[in-house]
Amino acid sequence: LLLAVSGIFTIISVWGIFELIPDYGIFCGG
């Protein structure tokens, strides 16, 4: 049971890490 739940958490963690890797910013226009 814990292994199954940890699998779901792993997917969420990996998705979050990949979302944090790219650099983002606010473009001032021009």
Full PDB file with SEQRES, HELIX, SHEET, SSBOND, CRYST1, ORIGX, SCALE, CONECT and MASTER records, all heavy atoms in Angstrom:
SEQRES   1 A   30  LEU LEU LEU ALA VAL SER GLY ILE PHE THR ILE ILE SER          
SEQRES   2 A   30  VAL TRP GLY ILE PHE GLU LEU ILE PRO ASP TYR GLY ILE          
SEQRES   3 A   30  PHE CYS GLY GLY                                              
HELIX    1 AA1 LEU A    2  LEU A   20  1                                  19    
CRYST1    1.000    1.000    1.000  90.00  90.00  90.00 P 1           1          
ORIGX1      1.000000  0.000000  0.000000        0.00000                         
ORIGX2      0.000000  1.000000  0.000000        0.00000                         
ORIGX3      0.000000  0.000000  1.000000        0.00000                         
SCALE1      1.000000  0.000000  0.000000        0.00000                         
SCALE2      0.000000  1.000000  0.000000        0.00000                         
SCALE3      0.000000  0.000000  1.000000        0.00000                         
ATOM      1  N   LEU A   1       0.830  -1.209   0.000  1.00  0.00           N  
ATOM      2  CA  LEU A   1       0.000   0.000   0.000  1.00  0.00           C  
ATOM      3  C   LEU A   1       0.866   1.261   0.000  1.00  0.00           C  
ATOM      4  O   LEU A   1       0.627   2.191  -0.783  1.00  0.00           O  
ATOM      5  CB  LEU A   1      -0.921  -0.015   1.224  1.00  0.00           C  
ATOM      6  CG  LEU A   1      -1.857   1.204   1.372  1.00  0.00           C  
ATOM      7  CD1 LEU A   1      -2.801   1.274   0.171  1.00  0.00           C  
ATOM      8  CD2 LEU A   1      -2.647   1.110   2.675  1.00  0.00           C  
ATOM      9  N   LEU A   2       1.866   1.277   0.884  1.00  0.00           N  
ATOM     10  CA  LEU A   2       2.757   2.443   0.924  1.00  0.00           C  
ATOM     11  C   LEU A   2       3.549   2.574  -0.370  1.00  0.00           C  
ATOM     12  O   LEU A   2       3.808   3.697  -0.839  1.00  0.00           O  
ATOM     13  CB  LEU A   2       3.721   2.314   2.107  1.00  0.00           C  
ATOM     14  CG  LEU A   2       3.213   2.799   3.463  1.00  0.00           C  
ATOM     15  CD1 LEU A   2       4.220   2.508   4.548  1.00  0.00           C  
ATOM     16  CD2 LEU A   2       2.917   4.302   3.400  1.00  0.00           C  
ATOM     17  N   LEU A   3       3.929   1.457  -0.962  1.00  0.00           N  
ATOM     18  CA  LEU A   3       4.676   1.506  -2.220  1.00  0.00           C  
ATOM     19  C   LEU A   3       3.828   2.088  -3.344  1.00  0.00           C  
ATOM     20  O   LEU A   3       4.314   2.857  -4.179  1.00  0.00           O  
ATOM     21  CB  LEU A   3       5.148   0.093  -2.580  1.00  0.00           C  
ATOM     22  CG  LEU A   3       6.305   0.004  -3.590  1.00  0.00           C  
ATOM     23  CD1 LEU A   3       7.539   0.700  -3.043  1.00  0.00           C  
ATOM     24  CD2 LEU A   3       6.608  -1.451  -3.906  1.00  0.00           C  
ATOM     25  N   ALA A   4       2.542   1.738  -3.363  1.00  0.00           N  
ATOM     26  CA  ALA A   4       1.637   2.288  -4.381  1.00  0.00           C  
ATOM     27  C   ALA A   4       1.459   3.790  -4.196  1.00  0.00           C  
ATOM     28  O   ALA A   4       1.484   4.566  -5.168  1.00  0.00           O  
ATOM     29  CB  ALA A   4       0.290   1.570  -4.319  1.00  0.00           C  
ATOM     30  N   VAL A   5       1.269   4.224  -2.939  1.00  0.00           N  
ATOM     31  CA  VAL A   5       1.110   5.655  -2.669  1.00  0.00           C  
ATOM     32  C   VAL A   5       2.390   6.410  -3.005  1.00  0.00           C  
ATOM     33  O   VAL A   5       2.365   7.509  -3.566  1.00  0.00           O  
ATOM     34  CB  VAL A   5       0.711   5.883  -1.200  1.00  0.00           C  
ATOM     35  CG1 VAL A   5       0.650   7.373  -0.890  1.00  0.00           C  
ATOM     36  CG2 VAL A   5      -0.626   5.221  -0.905  1.00  0.00           C  
ATOM     37  N   SER A   6       3.548   5.804  -2.674  1.00  0.00           N  
ATOM     38  CA  SER A   6       4.820   6.456  -2.985  1.00  0.00           C  
ATOM     39  C   SER A   6       5.021   6.593  -4.487  1.00  0.00           C  
ATOM     40  O   SER A   6       5.670   7.535  -4.963  1.00  0.00           O  
ATOM     41  CB  SER A   6       5.985   5.674  -2.374  1.00  0.00           C  
ATOM     42  OG  SER A   6       6.090   4.377  -2.955  1.00  0.00           O  
ATOM     43  N   GLY A   7       4.448   5.665  -5.270  1.00  0.00           N  
ATOM     44  CA  GLY A   7       4.528   5.776  -6.739  1.00  0.00           C  
ATOM     45  C   GLY A   7       3.804   7.013  -7.236  1.00  0.00           C  
ATOM     46  O   GLY A   7       4.292   7.722  -8.126  1.00  0.00           O  
ATOM     47  N   ILE A   8       2.620   7.286  -6.650  1.00  0.00           N  
ATOM     48  CA  ILE A   8       1.868   8.491  -7.022  1.00  0.00           C  
ATOM     49  C   ILE A   8       2.652   9.745  -6.632  1.00  0.00           C  
ATOM     50  O   ILE A   8       2.770  10.699  -7.402  1.00  0.00           O  
ATOM     51  CB  ILE A   8       0.479   8.476  -6.362  1.00  0.00           C  
ATOM     52  CG1 ILE A   8      -0.332   7.262  -6.843  1.00  0.00           C  
ATOM     53  CG2 ILE A   8      -0.264   9.777  -6.644  1.00  0.00           C  
ATOM     54  CD1 ILE A   8      -1.648   7.083  -6.123  1.00  0.00           C  
ATOM     55  N   PHE A   9       3.212   9.713  -5.416  1.00  0.00           N  
ATOM     56  CA  PHE A   9       3.996  10.861  -4.962  1.00  0.00           C  
ATOM     57  C   PHE A   9       5.241  11.059  -5.832  1.00  0.00           C  
ATOM     58  O   PHE A   9       5.680  12.188  -6.053  1.00  0.00           O  
ATOM     59  CB  PHE A   9       4.395  10.666  -3.492  1.00  0.00           C  
ATOM     60  CG  PHE A   9       3.352  11.149  -2.525  1.00  0.00           C  
ATOM     61  CD1 PHE A   9       2.062  10.651  -2.561  1.00  0.00           C  
ATOM     62  CD2 PHE A   9       3.646  12.117  -1.579  1.00  0.00           C  
ATOM     63  CE1 PHE A   9       1.090  11.089  -1.678  1.00  0.00           C  
ATOM     64  CE2 PHE A   9       2.688  12.574  -0.686  1.00  0.00           C  
ATOM     65  CZ  PHE A   9       1.401  12.053  -0.733  1.00  0.00           C  
ATOM     66  N   THR A  10       5.813   9.959  -6.302  1.00  0.00           N  
ATOM     67  CA  THR A  10       6.994  10.055  -7.178  1.00  0.00           C  
ATOM     68  C   THR A  10       6.651  10.779  -8.472  1.00  0.00           C  
ATOM     69  O   THR A  10       7.405  11.644  -8.946  1.00  0.00           O  
ATOM     70  CB  THR A  10       7.546   8.658  -7.487  1.00  0.00           C  
ATOM     71  OG1 THR A  10       7.901   8.007  -6.267  1.00  0.00           O  
ATOM     72  CG2 THR A  10       8.759   8.740  -8.394  1.00  0.00           C  
ATOM     73  N   ILE A  11       5.501  10.425  -9.051  1.00  0.00           N  
ATOM     74  CA  ILE A  11       5.072  11.072 -10.295  1.00  0.00           C  
ATOM     75  C   ILE A  11       4.882  12.574 -10.074  1.00  0.00           C  
ATOM     76  O   ILE A  11       5.326  13.407 -10.872  1.00  0.00           O  
ATOM     77  CB  ILE A  11       3.778  10.430 -10.818  1.00  0.00           C  
ATOM     78  CG1 ILE A  11       4.030   8.969 -11.208  1.00  0.00           C  
ATOM     79  CG2 ILE A  11       3.218  11.214 -12.001  1.00  0.00           C  
ATOM     80  CD1 ILE A  11       2.781   8.190 -11.563  1.00  0.00           C  
ATOM     81  N   ILE A  12       4.219  12.918  -8.956  1.00  0.00           N  
ATOM     82  CA  ILE A  12       4.001  14.335  -8.646  1.00  0.00           C  
ATOM     83  C   ILE A  12       5.330  15.045  -8.417  1.00  0.00           C  
ATOM     84  O   ILE A  12       5.555  16.172  -8.894  1.00  0.00           O  
ATOM     85  CB  ILE A  12       3.086  14.481  -7.413  1.00  0.00           C  
ATOM     86  CG1 ILE A  12       1.715  13.875  -7.707  1.00  0.00           C  
ATOM     87  CG2 ILE A  12       2.959  15.939  -7.012  1.00  0.00           C  
ATOM     88  CD1 ILE A  12       0.786  13.836  -6.511  1.00  0.00           C  
ATOM     89  N   SER A  13       6.264  14.396  -7.704  1.00  0.00           N  
ATOM     90  CA  SER A  13       7.563  15.010  -7.424  1.00  0.00           C  
ATOM     91  C   SER A  13       8.363  15.236  -8.697  1.00  0.00           C  
ATOM     92  O   SER A  13       8.947  16.305  -8.896  1.00  0.00           O  
ATOM     93  CB  SER A  13       8.360  14.124  -6.457  1.00  0.00           C  
ATOM     94  OG  SER A  13       7.677  13.942  -5.242  1.00  0.00           O  
ATOM     95  N   VAL A  14       8.385  14.237  -9.567  1.00  0.00           N  
ATOM     96  CA  VAL A  14       9.138  14.366 -10.825  1.00  0.00           C  
ATOM     97  C   VAL A  14       8.546  15.468 -11.684  1.00  0.00           C  
ATOM     98  O   VAL A  14       9.273  16.278 -12.265  1.00  0.00           O  
ATOM     99  CB  VAL A  14       9.146  13.021 -11.579  1.00  0.00           C  
ATOM    100  CG1 VAL A  14       9.721  13.197 -12.976  1.00  0.00           C  
ATOM    101  CG2 VAL A  14       9.954  11.985 -10.802  1.00  0.00           C  
ATOM    102  N   TRP A  15       7.218  15.509 -11.764  1.00  0.00           N  
ATOM    103  CA  TRP A  15       6.568  16.594 -12.527  1.00  0.00           C  
ATOM    104  C   TRP A  15       6.938  17.955 -11.962  1.00  0.00           C  
ATOM    105  O   TRP A  15       7.248  18.891 -12.698  1.00  0.00           O  
ATOM    106  CB  TRP A  15       5.058  16.404 -12.499  1.00  0.00           C  
ATOM    107  CG  TRP A  15       4.319  17.570 -13.098  1.00  0.00           C  
ATOM    108  CD1 TRP A  15       4.088  17.819 -14.418  1.00  0.00           C  
ATOM    109  CD2 TRP A  15       3.743  18.658 -12.377  1.00  0.00           C  
ATOM    110  NE1 TRP A  15       3.399  18.988 -14.578  1.00  0.00           N  
ATOM    111  CE2 TRP A  15       3.168  19.538 -13.338  1.00  0.00           C  
ATOM    112  CE3 TRP A  15       3.632  18.987 -11.040  1.00  0.00           C  
ATOM    113  CZ2 TRP A  15       2.520  20.702 -12.975  1.00  0.00           C  
ATOM    114  CZ3 TRP A  15       2.982  20.148 -10.683  1.00  0.00           C  
ATOM    115  CH2 TRP A  15       2.434  20.998 -11.627  1.00  0.00           C  
ATOM    116  N   GLY A  16       6.904  18.091 -10.626  1.00  0.00           N  
ATOM    117  CA  GLY A  16       7.245  19.360 -10.000  1.00  0.00           C  
ATOM    118  C   GLY A  16       8.682  19.767 -10.246  1.00  0.00           C  
ATOM    119  O   GLY A  16       8.979  20.937 -10.506  1.00  0.00           O  
ATOM    120  N   ILE A  17       9.584  18.784 -10.173  1.00  0.00           N  
ATOM    121  CA  ILE A  17      11.005  19.084 -10.412  1.00  0.00           C  
ATOM    122  C   ILE A  17      11.218  19.569 -11.836  1.00  0.00           C  
ATOM    123  O   ILE A  17      11.950  20.534 -12.093  1.00  0.00           O  
ATOM    124  CB  ILE A  17      11.865  17.838 -10.111  1.00  0.00           C  
ATOM    125  CG1 ILE A  17      11.865  17.574  -8.603  1.00  0.00           C  
ATOM    126  CG2 ILE A  17      13.290  18.032 -10.612  1.00  0.00           C  
ATOM    127  CD1 ILE A  17      12.489  16.241  -8.217  1.00  0.00           C  
ATOM    128  N   PHE A  18      10.566  18.916 -12.812  1.00  0.00           N  
ATOM    129  CA  PHE A  18      10.705  19.333 -14.212  1.00  0.00           C  
ATOM    130  C   PHE A  18      10.088  20.709 -14.455  1.00  0.00           C  
ATOM    131  O   PHE A  18      10.498  21.429 -15.354  1.00  0.00           O  
ATOM    132  CB  PHE A  18      10.085  18.296 -15.154  1.00  0.00           C  
ATOM    133  CG  PHE A  18      11.023  17.174 -15.500  1.00  0.00           C  
ATOM    134  CD1 PHE A  18      10.940  15.960 -14.833  1.00  0.00           C  
ATOM    135  CD2 PHE A  18      11.993  17.335 -16.463  1.00  0.00           C  
ATOM    136  CE1 PHE A  18      11.804  14.925 -15.128  1.00  0.00           C  
ATOM    137  CE2 PHE A  18      12.864  16.305 -16.780  1.00  0.00           C  
ATOM    138  CZ  PHE A  18      12.781  15.095 -16.111  1.00  0.00           C  
ATOM    139  N   GLU A  19       9.079  21.065 -13.652  1.00  0.00           N  
ATOM    140  CA  GLU A  19       8.498  22.399 -13.756  1.00  0.00           C  
ATOM    141  C   GLU A  19       9.420  23.458 -13.172  1.00  0.00           C  
ATOM    142  O   GLU A  19       9.410  24.610 -13.598  1.00  0.00           O  
ATOM    143  CB  GLU A  19       7.145  22.439 -13.045  1.00  0.00           C  
ATOM    144  CG  GLU A  19       6.021  21.762 -13.800  1.00  0.00           C  
ATOM    145  CD  GLU A  19       5.657  22.494 -15.073  1.00  0.00           C  
ATOM    146  OE1 GLU A  19       5.525  23.733 -15.032  1.00  0.00           O  
ATOM    147  OE2 GLU A  19       5.528  21.835 -16.118  1.00  0.00           O  
ATOM    148  N   LEU A  20      10.227  23.077 -12.185  1.00  0.00           N  
ATOM    149  CA  LEU A  20      11.131  24.033 -11.544  1.00  0.00           C  
ATOM    150  C   LEU A  20      12.423  24.241 -12.330  1.00  0.00           C  
ATOM    151  O   LEU A  20      13.085  25.260 -12.171  1.00  0.00           O  
ATOM    152  CB  LEU A  20      11.485  23.547 -10.127  1.00  0.00           C  
ATOM    153  CG  LEU A  20      10.392  23.647  -9.059  1.00  0.00           C  
ATOM    154  CD1 LEU A  20      10.845  22.981  -7.780  1.00  0.00           C  
ATOM    155  CD2 LEU A  20      10.025  25.114  -8.803  1.00  0.00           C  
ATOM    156  N   ILE A  21      12.807  23.273 -13.151  1.00  0.00           N  
ATOM    157  CA  ILE A  21      14.092  23.352 -13.861  1.00  0.00           C  
ATOM    158  C   ILE A  21      14.163  24.526 -14.836  1.00  0.00           C  
ATOM    159  O   ILE A  21      15.134  25.283 -14.826  1.00  0.00           O  
ATOM    160  CB  ILE A  21      14.382  22.015 -14.576  1.00  0.00           C  
ATOM    161  CG1 ILE A  21      14.727  20.938 -13.542  1.00  0.00           C  
ATOM    162  CG2 ILE A  21      15.530  22.174 -15.574  1.00  0.00           C  
ATOM    163  CD1 ILE A  21      14.911  19.566 -14.126  1.00  0.00           C  
ATOM    164  N   PRO A  22      13.173  24.756 -15.729  1.00  0.00           N  
ATOM    165  CA  PRO A  22      13.298  25.869 -16.683  1.00  0.00           C  
ATOM    166  C   PRO A  22      13.312  27.227 -15.983  1.00  0.00           C  
ATOM    167  O   PRO A  22      12.760  27.397 -14.896  1.00  0.00           O  
ATOM    168  CB  PRO A  22      12.039  25.719 -17.567  1.00  0.00           C  
ATOM    169  CG  PRO A  22      11.544  24.336 -17.329  1.00  0.00           C  
ATOM    170  CD  PRO A  22      11.925  23.987 -15.936  1.00  0.00           C  
ATOM    171  N   ASP A  23      13.975  28.176 -16.632  1.00  0.00           N  
ATOM    172  CA  ASP A  23      14.002  29.557 -16.138  1.00  0.00           C  
ATOM    173  C   ASP A  23      12.844  30.342 -16.752  1.00  0.00           C  
ATOM    174  O   ASP A  23      12.589  30.248 -17.961  1.00  0.00           O  
ATOM    175  CB  ASP A  23      15.324  30.233 -16.493  1.00  0.00           C  
ATOM    176  CG  ASP A  23      16.508  29.587 -15.785  1.00  0.00           C  
ATOM    177  OD1 ASP A  23      16.319  29.162 -14.638  1.00  0.00           O  
ATOM    178  OD2 ASP A  23      17.597  29.505 -16.380  1.00  0.00           O  
ATOM    179  N   TYR A  24      12.166  31.124 -15.904  1.00  0.00           N  
ATOM    180  CA  TYR A  24      11.059  31.954 -16.365  1.00  0.00           C  
ATOM    181  C   TYR A  24      11.329  33.410 -15.978  1.00  0.00           C  
ATOM    182  O   TYR A  24      12.152  33.696 -15.100  1.00  0.00           O  
ATOM    183  CB  TYR A  24       9.735  31.491 -15.773  1.00  0.00           C  
ATOM    184  CG  TYR A  24       9.251  30.173 -16.312  1.00  0.00           C  
ATOM    185  CD1 TYR A  24       9.622  28.968 -15.723  1.00  0.00           C  
ATOM    186  CD2 TYR A  24       8.417  30.124 -17.431  1.00  0.00           C  
ATOM    187  CE1 TYR A  24       9.191  27.752 -16.219  1.00  0.00           C  
ATOM    188  CE2 TYR A  24       7.973  28.914 -17.936  1.00  0.00           C  
ATOM    189  CZ  TYR A  24       8.363  27.730 -17.328  1.00  0.00           C  
ATOM    190  OH  TYR A  24       7.928  26.539 -17.835  1.00  0.00           O  
ATOM    191  N   GLY A  25      10.636  34.312 -16.633  1.00  0.00           N  
ATOM    192  CA  GLY A  25      10.794  35.725 -16.329  1.00  0.00           C  
ATOM    193  C   GLY A  25       9.599  36.520 -16.815  1.00  0.00           C  
ATOM    194  O   GLY A  25       8.691  35.994 -17.472  1.00  0.00           O  
ATOM    195  N   ILE A  26       9.607  37.802 -16.484  1.00  0.00           N  
ATOM    196  CA  ILE A  26       8.570  38.728 -16.946  1.00  0.00           C  
ATOM    197  C   ILE A  26       9.192  39.630 -18.005  1.00  0.00           C  
ATOM    198  O   ILE A  26      10.170  40.333 -17.755  1.00  0.00           O  
ATOM    199  CB  ILE A  26       8.025  39.581 -15.788  1.00  0.00           C  
ATOM    200  CG1 ILE A  26       7.410  38.683 -14.712  1.00  0.00           C  
ATOM    201  CG2 ILE A  26       6.982  40.570 -16.298  1.00  0.00           C  
ATOM    202  CD1 ILE A  26       6.240  37.855 -15.169  1.00  0.00           C  
ATOM    203  N   PHE A  27       8.624  39.570 -19.210  1.00  0.00           N  
ATOM    204  CA  PHE A  27       9.106  40.370 -20.330  1.00  0.00           C  
ATOM    205  C   PHE A  27       8.523  41.777 -20.234  1.00  0.00           C  
ATOM    206  O   PHE A  27       7.311  41.951 -20.124  1.00  0.00           O  
ATOM    207  CB  PHE A  27       8.702  39.695 -21.641  1.00  0.00           C  
ATOM    208  CG  PHE A  27       9.090  40.462 -22.866  1.00  0.00           C  
ATOM    209  CD1 PHE A  27      10.343  41.026 -22.994  1.00  0.00           C  
ATOM    210  CD2 PHE A  27       8.188  40.606 -23.911  1.00  0.00           C  
ATOM    211  CE1 PHE A  27      10.698  41.726 -24.133  1.00  0.00           C  
ATOM    212  CE2 PHE A  27       8.529  41.297 -25.052  1.00  0.00           C  
ATOM    213  CZ  PHE A  27       9.792  41.861 -25.160  1.00  0.00           C  
ATOM    214  N   CYS A  28       9.406  42.784 -20.274  1.00  0.00           N  
ATOM    215  CA  CYS A  28       8.974  44.174 -20.107  1.00  0.00           C  
ATOM    216  C   CYS A  28       8.414  44.792 -21.380  1.00  0.00           C  
ATOM    217  O   CYS A  28       7.985  45.947 -21.364  1.00  0.00           O  
ATOM    218  CB  CYS A  28      10.149  45.029 -19.611  1.00  0.00           C  
ATOM    219  SG  CYS A  28      10.771  44.528 -18.010  1.00  0.00           S  
ATOM    220  N   GLY A  29       8.439  44.047 -22.475  1.00  0.00           N  
ATOM    221  CA  GLY A  29       7.955  44.589 -23.737  1.00  0.00           C  
ATOM    222  C   GLY A  29       9.069  45.240 -24.528  1.00  0.00           C  
ATOM    223  O   GLY A  29      10.123  45.577 -24.000  1.00  0.00           O  
ATOM    224  N   GLY A  30       8.865  45.393 -25.817  1.00  0.00           N  
ATOM    225  CA  GLY A  30       9.859  46.006 -26.680  1.00  0.00           C  
ATOM    226  C   GLY A  30      10.186  45.114 -27.854  1.00  0.00           C  
ATOM    227  O   GLY A  30       9.362  44.317 -28.307  1.00  0.00           O  
TER     228      GLY A  30                                                      
MASTER        0    0    0    1    0    0    0    6  227    1    0    3          
END                                                                             
